[in-house]
Amino acid sequence: MVFAFIFRSDRPACIRYIREHGEQAFAEEMTKRKCQTIKRK
């Protein structure tokens, strides 16, 4: 995926996190990490 390549994000991990913890928790976690997405390892 171009998005994942450019932003070095792990989109499936983001979606999993949202499903497990909810959108609010995801937004709070990303704010705490100072990023918009979960970074790929």
N, C-alpha and C. Protein backbone atom coordinates (compact mmCIF):
# COMPACT_ATOMS: atom_id res chain seq x y z
N MET A 1 0.83 -1.19 0.00
CA MET A 1 0.00 0.00 0.00
C MET A 1 0.87 1.25 0.00
N VAL A 2 0.53 2.19 -0.80
CA VAL A 2 1.27 3.44 -0.87
C VAL A 2 1.19 4.19 0.46
N PHE A 3 0.00 4.25 1.04
CA PHE A 3 -0.19 4.95 2.32
C PHE A 3 0.75 4.40 3.38
N ALA A 4 0.76 3.09 3.54
CA ALA A 4 1.61 2.46 4.55
C ALA A 4 3.09 2.72 4.26
N PHE A 5 3.46 2.70 3.01
CA PHE A 5 4.86 2.93 2.64
C PHE A 5 5.29 4.36 2.97
N ILE A 6 4.48 5.32 2.57
CA ILE A 6 4.82 6.73 2.77
C ILE A 6 4.83 7.09 4.25
N PHE A 7 3.82 6.66 4.97
CA PHE A 7 3.69 7.06 6.38
C PHE A 7 4.29 6.05 7.34
N ARG A 8 4.83 4.95 6.79
CA ARG A 8 5.41 3.89 7.62
C ARG A 8 4.45 3.46 8.73
N SER A 9 3.18 3.32 8.36
CA SER A 9 2.18 2.97 9.35
C SER A 9 1.75 1.52 9.20
N ASP A 10 1.25 0.99 10.27
CA ASP A 10 0.72 -0.36 10.28
C ASP A 10 -0.80 -0.24 10.37
N ARG A 11 -1.42 -0.05 9.22
CA ARG A 11 -2.86 0.19 9.18
C ARG A 11 -3.67 -0.94 9.82
N PRO A 12 -3.37 -2.21 9.55
CA PRO A 12 -4.13 -3.28 10.21
C PRO A 12 -4.03 -3.19 11.74
N ALA A 13 -2.88 -2.81 12.25
CA ALA A 13 -2.72 -2.68 13.71
C ALA A 13 -3.59 -1.53 14.23
N CYS A 14 -3.68 -0.45 13.48
CA CYS A 14 -4.53 0.67 13.87
C CYS A 14 -5.99 0.23 13.94
N ILE A 15 -6.43 -0.47 12.92
CA ILE A 15 -7.82 -0.93 12.87
C ILE A 15 -8.10 -1.89 14.02
N ARG A 16 -7.17 -2.81 14.27
CA ARG A 16 -7.31 -3.75 15.39
C ARG A 16 -7.43 -3.01 16.72
N TYR A 17 -6.58 -2.01 16.91
CA TYR A 17 -6.59 -1.23 18.16
C TYR A 17 -7.94 -0.55 18.34
N ILE A 18 -8.46 0.05 17.28
CA ILE A 18 -9.75 0.73 17.34
C ILE A 18 -10.86 -0.27 17.67
N ARG A 19 -10.84 -1.43 17.04
CA ARG A 19 -11.87 -2.45 17.31
C ARG A 19 -11.82 -2.93 18.76
N GLU A 20 -10.62 -3.09 19.29
CA GLU A 20 -10.45 -3.62 20.63
C GLU A 20 -10.69 -2.57 21.72
N HIS A 21 -10.29 -1.31 21.45
CA HIS A 21 -10.31 -0.30 22.50
C HIS A 21 -11.25 0.87 22.23
N GLY A 22 -11.70 1.02 20.99
CA GLY A 22 -12.59 2.12 20.63
C GLY A 22 -11.85 3.31 20.05
N GLU A 23 -12.61 4.14 19.36
CA GLU A 23 -12.03 5.30 18.68
C GLU A 23 -11.43 6.31 19.65
N GLN A 24 -12.11 6.54 20.76
CA GLN A 24 -11.63 7.52 21.73
C GLN A 24 -10.27 7.10 22.31
N ALA A 25 -10.15 5.83 22.67
CA ALA A 25 -8.90 5.32 23.22
C ALA A 25 -7.78 5.42 22.17
N PHE A 26 -8.11 5.13 20.91
CA PHE A 26 -7.12 5.23 19.84
C PHE A 26 -6.64 6.68 19.71
N ALA A 27 -7.58 7.62 19.70
CA ALA A 27 -7.23 9.03 19.56
C ALA A 27 -6.35 9.48 20.73
N GLU A 28 -6.69 9.04 21.93
CA GLU A 28 -5.89 9.41 23.10
C GLU A 28 -4.49 8.82 23.03
N GLU A 29 -4.39 7.57 22.59
CA GLU A 29 -3.09 6.91 22.46
C GLU A 29 -2.23 7.61 21.42
N MET A 30 -2.81 7.97 20.29
CA MET A 30 -2.06 8.63 19.23
C MET A 30 -1.63 10.04 19.68
N THR A 31 -2.46 10.71 20.47
CA THR A 31 -2.09 12.01 21.02
C THR A 31 -0.90 11.85 21.96
N LYS A 32 -0.97 10.82 22.79
CA LYS A 32 0.12 10.57 23.74
C LYS A 32 1.42 10.26 22.99
N ARG A 33 1.31 9.51 21.90
CA ARG A 33 2.50 9.16 21.10
C ARG A 33 2.94 10.30 20.18
N LYS A 34 2.11 11.32 20.07
CA LYS A 34 2.35 12.45 19.17
C LYS A 34 2.49 12.00 17.72
N CYS A 35 1.58 11.14 17.31
CA CYS A 35 1.54 10.69 15.91
C CYS A 35 0.10 10.41 15.52
N GLN A 36 -0.11 10.14 14.25
CA GLN A 36 -1.46 9.92 13.75
C GLN A 36 -1.76 8.44 13.54
N THR A 37 -0.77 7.62 13.67
CA THR A 37 -0.97 6.20 13.38
C THR A 37 0.06 5.36 14.14
N ILE A 38 -0.15 4.08 14.15
CA ILE A 38 0.79 3.17 14.77
C ILE A 38 1.91 2.90 13.78
N LYS A 39 3.14 3.12 14.20
CA LYS A 39 4.28 2.95 13.30
C LYS A 39 4.60 1.47 13.08
N ARG A 40 5.05 1.16 11.88
CA ARG A 40 5.49 -0.18 11.56
C ARG A 40 6.82 -0.44 12.26
N LYS A 41 7.06 -1.68 12.59
CA LYS A 41 8.31 -2.03 13.26
C LYS A 41 9.32 -2.56 12.29
